[in-house]
Amino acid sequence: MRNLALTDAASWLACAMLVTACSGAGATTTPAGGVPDGGAWRIRTGGPRFGVRAANGNGRPAAVISSVAGGALGQAVQHDGRGSCDPEGGALTYAWALLAAPAGSHWPLAGTSTAQATLTPDVAGIYRVAHRVTDSQGAVSDPALLEIQVEEP
């Protein structure tokens, strides 16, 4: 369970914001001390990830990468995006990109449109991977970024 405190209660009221938990569990908002004006709004979510959306709109999904930040030359490193979520629980499409690779690399990233992409480092150095998800209504997440350091054997 995660608690967040937001002190701008007027913004919450004016925008009619609704909090939804990406983990599928419910979320609640309550003003600290029972008064929204001047108090801090507390958000209680059912998991570590959450999305905030306007009451009548489509919330943006969140991209999450689960993988190691290191690797060995020639050994595949799998990057897992299955922890990504949509506030409304909709289906996601996945997009992976290799943003940077060491000089001389052939940019070896496979499975770029699946939930799990694989990087097989072919040159020692730093690789930078980005992951975005798009929900069924076309909303695109901010990128989740990962830097992988590969050392010479």
N, C-alpha and C. Protein backbone atom coordinates (compact mmCIF):
# COMPACT_ATOMS: atom_id res chain seq x y z
N MET A 1 0.85 -1.17 0.00
CA MET A 1 0.00 0.00 0.00
C MET A 1 0.89 1.23 0.00
N ARG A 2 0.59 2.22 -0.82
CA ARG A 2 1.38 3.44 -0.91
C ARG A 2 0.50 4.63 -0.58
N ASN A 3 1.02 5.55 0.22
CA ASN A 3 0.31 6.78 0.55
C ASN A 3 1.06 7.96 -0.03
N LEU A 4 0.35 8.86 -0.67
CA LEU A 4 0.93 10.07 -1.21
C LEU A 4 0.17 11.25 -0.63
N ALA A 5 0.86 12.34 -0.39
CA ALA A 5 0.20 13.54 0.11
C ALA A 5 0.29 14.62 -0.95
N LEU A 6 -0.83 15.22 -1.29
CA LEU A 6 -0.87 16.32 -2.25
C LEU A 6 -1.46 17.52 -1.52
N THR A 7 -0.75 18.64 -1.56
CA THR A 7 -1.20 19.79 -0.79
C THR A 7 -2.09 20.74 -1.57
N ASP A 8 -2.19 20.62 -2.88
CA ASP A 8 -3.01 21.52 -3.68
C ASP A 8 -4.41 20.94 -3.85
N ALA A 9 -5.19 20.97 -2.79
CA ALA A 9 -6.52 20.38 -2.81
C ALA A 9 -7.44 21.09 -3.78
N ALA A 10 -7.25 22.40 -3.96
CA ALA A 10 -8.11 23.15 -4.88
C ALA A 10 -8.00 22.61 -6.30
N SER A 11 -6.78 22.23 -6.70
CA SER A 11 -6.59 21.67 -8.04
C SER A 11 -7.35 20.37 -8.19
N TRP A 12 -7.34 19.57 -7.14
CA TRP A 12 -8.07 18.30 -7.19
C TRP A 12 -9.56 18.55 -7.38
N LEU A 13 -10.09 19.50 -6.66
CA LEU A 13 -11.52 19.77 -6.75
C LEU A 13 -11.88 20.37 -8.10
N ALA A 14 -11.08 21.32 -8.57
CA ALA A 14 -11.38 22.01 -9.83
C ALA A 14 -11.31 21.06 -11.02
N CYS A 15 -10.39 20.15 -10.99
CA CYS A 15 -10.21 19.24 -12.13
C CYS A 15 -11.03 17.97 -12.00
N ALA A 16 -11.70 17.79 -10.88
CA ALA A 16 -12.48 16.57 -10.63
C ALA A 16 -11.64 15.34 -10.92
N MET A 17 -10.47 15.30 -10.31
CA MET A 17 -9.53 14.21 -10.57
C MET A 17 -9.99 12.92 -9.90
N LEU A 18 -9.67 11.87 -10.53
CA LEU A 18 -10.03 10.54 -10.06
C LEU A 18 -8.75 9.72 -10.04
N VAL A 19 -8.51 9.00 -9.00
CA VAL A 19 -7.32 8.18 -8.89
C VAL A 19 -7.69 6.73 -9.13
N THR A 20 -6.91 6.07 -9.95
CA THR A 20 -7.14 4.66 -10.21
C THR A 20 -5.85 3.89 -10.02
N ALA A 21 -5.93 2.74 -9.50
CA ALA A 21 -4.74 1.93 -9.27
C ALA A 21 -4.52 1.01 -10.46
N CYS A 22 -3.32 1.05 -11.01
CA CYS A 22 -3.00 0.18 -12.15
C CYS A 22 -2.93 -1.28 -11.73
N SER A 23 -2.70 -1.53 -10.46
CA SER A 23 -2.57 -2.90 -10.01
C SER A 23 -3.92 -3.62 -9.94
N GLY A 24 -5.01 -2.91 -10.24
CA GLY A 24 -6.31 -3.54 -10.24
C GLY A 24 -7.05 -3.35 -8.93
N ALA A 25 -6.34 -2.97 -7.87
CA ALA A 25 -7.00 -2.72 -6.60
C ALA A 25 -7.56 -1.31 -6.60
N GLY A 26 -8.55 -1.06 -5.77
CA GLY A 26 -9.16 0.25 -5.72
C GLY A 26 -8.26 1.29 -5.09
N ALA A 27 -8.60 2.54 -5.28
CA ALA A 27 -7.86 3.63 -4.68
C ALA A 27 -8.85 4.62 -4.10
N THR A 28 -8.44 5.31 -3.05
CA THR A 28 -9.32 6.29 -2.45
C THR A 28 -8.57 7.60 -2.25
N THR A 29 -9.30 8.70 -2.21
CA THR A 29 -8.71 9.98 -1.85
C THR A 29 -9.49 10.54 -0.68
N THR A 30 -8.79 11.02 0.31
CA THR A 30 -9.43 11.66 1.45
C THR A 30 -8.61 12.86 1.87
N PRO A 31 -9.26 13.95 2.23
CA PRO A 31 -8.50 15.11 2.70
C PRO A 31 -7.98 14.85 4.10
N ALA A 32 -6.71 15.19 4.33
CA ALA A 32 -6.13 15.04 5.66
C ALA A 32 -6.87 15.95 6.63
N GLY A 33 -7.20 15.44 7.79
CA GLY A 33 -7.90 16.24 8.79
C GLY A 33 -9.37 16.46 8.44
N GLY A 34 -9.86 15.88 7.38
CA GLY A 34 -11.26 15.99 7.01
C GLY A 34 -11.63 17.25 6.25
N VAL A 35 -10.67 18.13 5.96
CA VAL A 35 -10.99 19.35 5.23
C VAL A 35 -10.14 19.46 3.98
N PRO A 36 -10.77 19.58 2.80
CA PRO A 36 -9.99 19.65 1.57
C PRO A 36 -9.24 20.96 1.40
N ASP A 37 -9.77 22.08 1.92
CA ASP A 37 -9.14 23.38 1.71
C ASP A 37 -8.01 23.58 2.71
N GLY A 38 -6.77 23.67 2.23
CA GLY A 38 -5.62 23.87 3.10
C GLY A 38 -5.05 22.58 3.66
N GLY A 39 -5.74 21.48 3.50
CA GLY A 39 -5.21 20.20 3.97
C GLY A 39 -4.51 19.47 2.85
N ALA A 40 -3.92 18.36 3.15
CA ALA A 40 -3.26 17.55 2.14
C ALA A 40 -4.18 16.40 1.76
N TRP A 41 -4.35 16.18 0.49
CA TRP A 41 -5.14 15.04 0.04
C TRP A 41 -4.26 13.81 0.15
N ARG A 42 -4.78 12.76 0.69
CA ARG A 42 -4.06 11.50 0.82
C ARG A 42 -4.59 10.55 -0.26
N ILE A 43 -3.67 9.94 -0.95
CA ILE A 43 -4.06 8.96 -1.96
C ILE A 43 -3.58 7.60 -1.48
N ARG A 44 -4.48 6.67 -1.40
CA ARG A 44 -4.12 5.32 -0.97
C ARG A 44 -4.36 4.39 -2.15
N THR A 45 -3.28 3.75 -2.62
CA THR A 45 -3.42 2.87 -3.76
C THR A 45 -3.22 1.43 -3.33
N GLY A 46 -3.65 0.51 -4.17
CA GLY A 46 -3.53 -0.90 -3.88
C GLY A 46 -2.23 -1.50 -4.36
N GLY A 47 -1.31 -0.71 -4.82
CA GLY A 47 -0.04 -1.23 -5.31
C GLY A 47 0.95 -0.12 -5.53
N PRO A 48 2.14 -0.45 -6.04
CA PRO A 48 3.19 0.54 -6.20
C PRO A 48 2.99 1.47 -7.38
N ARG A 49 2.13 1.14 -8.32
CA ARG A 49 1.91 1.97 -9.50
C ARG A 49 0.50 2.55 -9.45
N PHE A 50 0.37 3.77 -9.94
CA PHE A 50 -0.96 4.36 -9.99
C PHE A 50 -1.02 5.32 -11.16
N GLY A 51 -2.23 5.60 -11.59
CA GLY A 51 -2.45 6.57 -12.63
C GLY A 51 -3.48 7.58 -12.15
N VAL A 52 -3.37 8.79 -12.63
CA VAL A 52 -4.33 9.82 -12.29
C VAL A 52 -4.97 10.26 -13.60
N ARG A 53 -6.29 10.36 -13.64
CA ARG A 53 -6.97 10.74 -14.86
C ARG A 53 -8.14 11.64 -14.53
N ALA A 54 -8.55 12.41 -15.51
CA ALA A 54 -9.75 13.22 -15.35
C ALA A 54 -10.95 12.28 -15.27
N ALA A 55 -11.98 12.69 -14.56
CA ALA A 55 -13.12 11.81 -14.30
C ALA A 55 -13.75 11.25 -15.57
N ASN A 56 -13.79 12.02 -16.65
CA ASN A 56 -14.46 11.56 -17.86
C ASN A 56 -13.50 11.21 -18.99
N GLY A 57 -12.20 11.16 -18.74
CA GLY A 57 -11.24 10.94 -19.80
C GLY A 57 -10.52 9.63 -19.70
N ASN A 58 -9.69 9.40 -20.69
CA ASN A 58 -8.86 8.20 -20.73
C ASN A 58 -7.52 8.53 -20.08
N GLY A 59 -7.13 7.77 -19.07
CA GLY A 59 -5.84 7.96 -18.42
C GLY A 59 -4.71 7.41 -19.26
N ARG A 60 -3.53 8.00 -19.11
CA ARG A 60 -2.36 7.51 -19.84
C ARG A 60 -1.81 6.28 -19.16
N PRO A 61 -1.37 5.30 -19.92
CA PRO A 61 -0.78 4.12 -19.32
C PRO A 61 0.61 4.42 -18.76
N ALA A 62 1.16 3.50 -17.99
CA ALA A 62 2.49 3.64 -17.42
C ALA A 62 3.37 2.50 -17.93
N ALA A 63 4.54 2.84 -18.46
CA ALA A 63 5.50 1.84 -18.91
C ALA A 63 6.44 1.50 -17.77
N VAL A 64 6.67 0.21 -17.56
CA VAL A 64 7.54 -0.27 -16.49
C VAL A 64 8.48 -1.31 -17.09
N ILE A 65 9.77 -1.22 -16.75
CA ILE A 65 10.75 -2.21 -17.20
C ILE A 65 11.27 -2.96 -15.99
N SER A 66 11.23 -4.28 -16.06
CA SER A 66 11.84 -5.13 -15.04
C SER A 66 12.97 -5.90 -15.71
N SER A 67 14.18 -5.62 -15.34
CA SER A 67 15.33 -6.36 -15.87
C SER A 67 16.57 -5.93 -15.11
N VAL A 68 17.66 -6.57 -15.41
CA VAL A 68 18.92 -6.23 -14.77
C VAL A 68 19.57 -5.06 -15.50
N ALA A 69 20.45 -4.35 -14.81
CA ALA A 69 21.12 -3.19 -15.40
C ALA A 69 22.53 -3.53 -15.87
N GLY A 70 22.83 -4.81 -15.98
CA GLY A 70 24.15 -5.23 -16.45
C GLY A 70 24.03 -6.45 -17.32
N GLY A 71 25.07 -6.77 -18.02
CA GLY A 71 25.03 -7.92 -18.90
C GLY A 71 26.43 -8.34 -19.29
N ALA A 72 26.52 -9.46 -19.96
CA ALA A 72 27.80 -9.97 -20.44
C ALA A 72 27.77 -10.02 -21.96
N LEU A 73 28.91 -9.80 -22.54
CA LEU A 73 29.02 -9.85 -23.99
C LEU A 73 28.47 -11.15 -24.54
N GLY A 74 27.62 -11.07 -25.54
CA GLY A 74 27.10 -12.25 -26.21
C GLY A 74 25.99 -12.98 -25.48
N GLN A 75 25.64 -12.57 -24.27
CA GLN A 75 24.59 -13.24 -23.51
C GLN A 75 23.33 -12.38 -23.52
N ALA A 76 22.22 -12.99 -23.89
CA ALA A 76 20.95 -12.27 -23.99
C ALA A 76 20.49 -11.77 -22.63
N VAL A 77 20.00 -10.54 -22.60
CA VAL A 77 19.40 -9.94 -21.41
C VAL A 77 17.95 -9.62 -21.77
N GLN A 78 17.02 -10.23 -21.03
CA GLN A 78 15.61 -10.00 -21.32
C GLN A 78 15.08 -8.83 -20.51
N HIS A 79 14.36 -7.93 -21.18
CA HIS A 79 13.74 -6.78 -20.55
C HIS A 79 12.23 -7.04 -20.53
N ASP A 80 11.66 -6.98 -19.36
CA ASP A 80 10.27 -7.37 -19.17
C ASP A 80 9.39 -6.14 -18.97
N GLY A 81 8.43 -5.93 -19.86
CA GLY A 81 7.51 -4.81 -19.77
C GLY A 81 6.13 -5.21 -19.30
N ARG A 82 5.98 -6.46 -18.83
CA ARG A 82 4.65 -6.94 -18.43
C ARG A 82 4.10 -6.25 -17.18
N GLY A 83 4.94 -5.51 -16.45
CA GLY A 83 4.48 -4.76 -15.29
C GLY A 83 3.85 -3.43 -15.68
N SER A 84 3.88 -3.09 -16.96
CA SER A 84 3.25 -1.86 -17.45
C SER A 84 1.75 -1.97 -17.25
N CYS A 85 1.08 -0.82 -17.16
CA CYS A 85 -0.34 -0.89 -16.86
C CYS A 85 -1.11 0.28 -17.46
N ASP A 86 -2.41 0.08 -17.57
CA ASP A 86 -3.35 1.09 -18.03
C ASP A 86 -4.32 1.37 -16.88
N PRO A 87 -4.56 2.64 -16.52
CA PRO A 87 -5.45 2.93 -15.39
C PRO A 87 -6.84 2.33 -15.53
N GLU A 88 -7.32 2.19 -16.76
CA GLU A 88 -8.65 1.60 -16.97
C GLU A 88 -8.59 0.08 -17.15
N GLY A 89 -7.40 -0.49 -17.10
CA GLY A 89 -7.27 -1.94 -17.25
C GLY A 89 -7.33 -2.42 -18.68
N GLY A 90 -7.17 -1.52 -19.66
CA GLY A 90 -7.25 -1.90 -21.07
C GLY A 90 -6.01 -2.63 -21.57
N ALA A 91 -6.13 -3.20 -22.75
CA ALA A 91 -5.03 -3.91 -23.38
C ALA A 91 -3.95 -2.91 -23.79
N LEU A 92 -2.71 -3.37 -23.77
CA LEU A 92 -1.57 -2.52 -24.13
C LEU A 92 -0.83 -3.09 -25.33
N THR A 93 -0.26 -2.19 -26.12
CA THR A 93 0.72 -2.60 -27.13
C THR A 93 2.06 -2.04 -26.67
N TYR A 94 3.12 -2.75 -27.02
CA TYR A 94 4.45 -2.46 -26.50
C TYR A 94 5.36 -1.97 -27.61
N ALA A 95 6.25 -1.05 -27.25
CA ALA A 95 7.25 -0.55 -28.20
C ALA A 95 8.56 -0.36 -27.45
N TRP A 96 9.60 -1.04 -27.93
CA TRP A 96 10.94 -0.94 -27.35
C TRP A 96 11.86 -0.31 -28.38
N ALA A 97 12.82 0.47 -27.89
CA ALA A 97 13.80 1.08 -28.79
C ALA A 97 15.16 1.11 -28.10
N LEU A 98 16.18 0.88 -28.87
CA LEU A 98 17.55 1.02 -28.39
C LEU A 98 17.98 2.44 -28.76
N LEU A 99 18.15 3.29 -27.75
CA LEU A 99 18.46 4.70 -27.98
C LEU A 99 19.93 4.95 -28.23
N ALA A 100 20.78 4.14 -27.60
CA ALA A 100 22.22 4.31 -27.75
C ALA A 100 22.91 2.97 -27.54
N ALA A 101 24.01 2.80 -28.26
CA ALA A 101 24.82 1.59 -28.14
C ALA A 101 26.27 1.99 -28.38
N PRO A 102 27.21 1.19 -27.88
CA PRO A 102 28.62 1.52 -28.09
C PRO A 102 28.99 1.52 -29.58
N ALA A 103 30.01 2.28 -29.92
CA ALA A 103 30.50 2.31 -31.31
C ALA A 103 30.84 0.90 -31.77
N GLY A 104 30.43 0.57 -32.98
CA GLY A 104 30.70 -0.74 -33.55
C GLY A 104 29.61 -1.77 -33.30
N SER A 105 28.63 -1.44 -32.46
CA SER A 105 27.54 -2.38 -32.17
C SER A 105 26.60 -2.46 -33.37
N HIS A 106 25.96 -3.62 -33.51
CA HIS A 106 24.94 -3.81 -34.55
C HIS A 106 23.54 -3.56 -34.00
N TRP A 107 23.44 -2.92 -32.83
CA TRP A 107 22.17 -2.57 -32.19
C TRP A 107 21.26 -3.79 -32.05
N PRO A 108 21.70 -4.78 -31.29
CA PRO A 108 21.02 -6.08 -31.23
C PRO A 108 19.83 -6.15 -30.27
N LEU A 109 18.72 -5.49 -30.61
CA LEU A 109 17.51 -5.55 -29.79
C LEU A 109 16.44 -6.29 -30.58
N ALA A 110 15.90 -7.34 -29.97
CA ALA A 110 14.87 -8.16 -30.64
C ALA A 110 13.57 -8.11 -29.83
N GLY A 111 12.46 -8.37 -30.50
CA GLY A 111 11.15 -8.39 -29.84
C GLY A 111 10.65 -7.00 -29.50
N THR A 112 10.89 -6.04 -30.37
CA THR A 112 10.57 -4.64 -30.07
C THR A 112 9.08 -4.32 -30.00
N SER A 113 8.21 -5.22 -30.42
CA SER A 113 6.77 -4.96 -30.32
C SER A 113 6.08 -5.98 -29.41
N THR A 114 6.85 -6.62 -28.55
CA THR A 114 6.31 -7.60 -27.61
C THR A 114 6.47 -7.09 -26.18
N ALA A 115 5.88 -7.80 -25.22
CA ALA A 115 6.00 -7.41 -23.81
C ALA A 115 7.41 -7.61 -23.28
N GLN A 116 8.17 -8.51 -23.91
CA GLN A 116 9.52 -8.80 -23.46
C GLN A 116 10.49 -8.67 -24.63
N ALA A 117 11.39 -7.70 -24.53
CA ALA A 117 12.41 -7.51 -25.56
C ALA A 117 13.72 -8.12 -25.07
N THR A 118 14.57 -8.49 -26.02
CA THR A 118 15.85 -9.10 -25.68
C THR A 118 16.99 -8.33 -26.31
N LEU A 119 17.97 -7.98 -25.48
CA LEU A 119 19.19 -7.34 -25.94
C LEU A 119 20.33 -8.33 -25.80
N THR A 120 21.06 -8.54 -26.89
CA THR A 120 22.24 -9.40 -26.85
C THR A 120 23.44 -8.51 -27.16
N PRO A 121 24.11 -8.00 -26.11
CA PRO A 121 25.21 -7.07 -26.31
C PRO A 121 26.34 -7.68 -27.15
N ASP A 122 26.77 -6.94 -28.16
CA ASP A 122 27.84 -7.43 -29.02
C ASP A 122 29.14 -6.62 -28.88
N VAL A 123 29.10 -5.53 -28.14
CA VAL A 123 30.28 -4.69 -27.88
C VAL A 123 30.18 -4.24 -26.43
N ALA A 124 31.30 -4.21 -25.71
CA ALA A 124 31.29 -3.72 -24.33
C ALA A 124 30.98 -2.22 -24.32
N GLY A 125 30.27 -1.79 -23.28
CA GLY A 125 29.93 -0.39 -23.14
C GLY A 125 28.53 -0.22 -22.59
N ILE A 126 27.96 0.96 -22.81
CA ILE A 126 26.64 1.29 -22.27
C ILE A 126 25.59 1.25 -23.38
N TYR A 127 24.49 0.56 -23.10
CA TYR A 127 23.33 0.49 -23.99
C TYR A 127 22.18 1.20 -23.27
N ARG A 128 21.41 1.98 -24.00
CA ARG A 128 20.25 2.68 -23.43
C ARG A 128 18.98 2.21 -24.14
N VAL A 129 18.05 1.69 -23.34
CA VAL A 129 16.81 1.13 -23.85
C VAL A 129 15.63 1.98 -23.38
N ALA A 130 14.67 2.21 -24.27
CA ALA A 130 13.43 2.91 -23.91
C ALA A 130 12.25 1.98 -24.18
N HIS A 131 11.24 2.09 -23.35
CA HIS A 131 10.04 1.27 -23.46
C HIS A 131 8.83 2.18 -23.30
N ARG A 132 7.88 2.09 -24.23
CA ARG A 132 6.61 2.82 -24.16
C ARG A 132 5.48 1.83 -24.37
N VAL A 133 4.34 2.16 -23.81
CA VAL A 133 3.14 1.37 -24.06
C VAL A 133 2.03 2.30 -24.54
N THR A 134 1.13 1.74 -25.33
CA THR A 134 -0.03 2.48 -25.84
C THR A 134 -1.27 1.69 -25.46
N ASP A 135 -2.28 2.39 -24.94
CA ASP A 135 -3.51 1.68 -24.57
C ASP A 135 -4.44 1.55 -25.77
N SER A 136 -5.55 0.87 -25.57
CA SER A 136 -6.48 0.58 -26.67
C SER A 136 -7.16 1.82 -27.23
N GLN A 137 -7.08 2.95 -26.51
CA GLN A 137 -7.67 4.20 -26.99
C GLN A 137 -6.63 5.14 -27.59
N GLY A 138 -5.38 4.66 -27.69
CA GLY A 138 -4.33 5.44 -28.34
C GLY A 138 -3.50 6.32 -27.43
N ALA A 139 -3.74 6.29 -26.12
CA ALA A 139 -2.93 7.07 -25.19
C ALA A 139 -1.56 6.40 -25.04
N VAL A 140 -0.51 7.21 -25.09
CA VAL A 140 0.87 6.70 -25.03
C VAL A 140 1.52 7.10 -23.72
N SER A 141 2.26 6.17 -23.13
CA SER A 141 2.95 6.43 -21.87
C SER A 141 4.19 7.28 -22.09
N ASP A 142 4.69 7.83 -21.01
CA ASP A 142 6.05 8.38 -21.01
C ASP A 142 6.99 7.19 -21.15
N PRO A 143 8.20 7.40 -21.65
CA PRO A 143 9.10 6.27 -21.77
C PRO A 143 9.69 5.84 -20.43
N ALA A 144 9.82 4.55 -20.25
CA ALA A 144 10.61 4.00 -19.15
C ALA A 144 12.00 3.79 -19.74
N LEU A 145 13.03 4.24 -19.05
CA LEU A 145 14.39 4.19 -19.59
C LEU A 145 15.25 3.27 -18.75
N LEU A 146 16.16 2.59 -19.42
CA LEU A 146 17.08 1.67 -18.73
C LEU A 146 18.44 1.79 -19.38
N GLU A 147 19.46 1.82 -18.54
CA GLU A 147 20.84 1.85 -19.02
C GLU A 147 21.50 0.55 -18.61
N ILE A 148 22.10 -0.14 -19.57
CA ILE A 148 22.73 -1.43 -19.32
C ILE A 148 24.23 -1.28 -19.52
N GLN A 149 25.00 -1.64 -18.51
CA GLN A 149 26.46 -1.57 -18.59
C GLN A 149 26.98 -2.97 -18.90
N VAL A 150 27.73 -3.10 -19.98
CA VAL A 150 28.31 -4.39 -20.37
C VAL A 150 29.83 -4.27 -20.32
N GLU A 151 30.44 -5.16 -19.56
CA GLU A 151 31.89 -5.14 -19.38
C GLU A 151 32.57 -6.17 -20.28
N GLU A 152 33.83 -5.92 -20.56
CA GLU A 152 34.65 -6.92 -21.27
C GLU A 152 34.81 -8.13 -20.37
N PRO A 153 34.88 -9.35 -20.93
CA PRO A 153 35.04 -10.55 -20.07
C PRO A 153 36.42 -10.60 -19.43
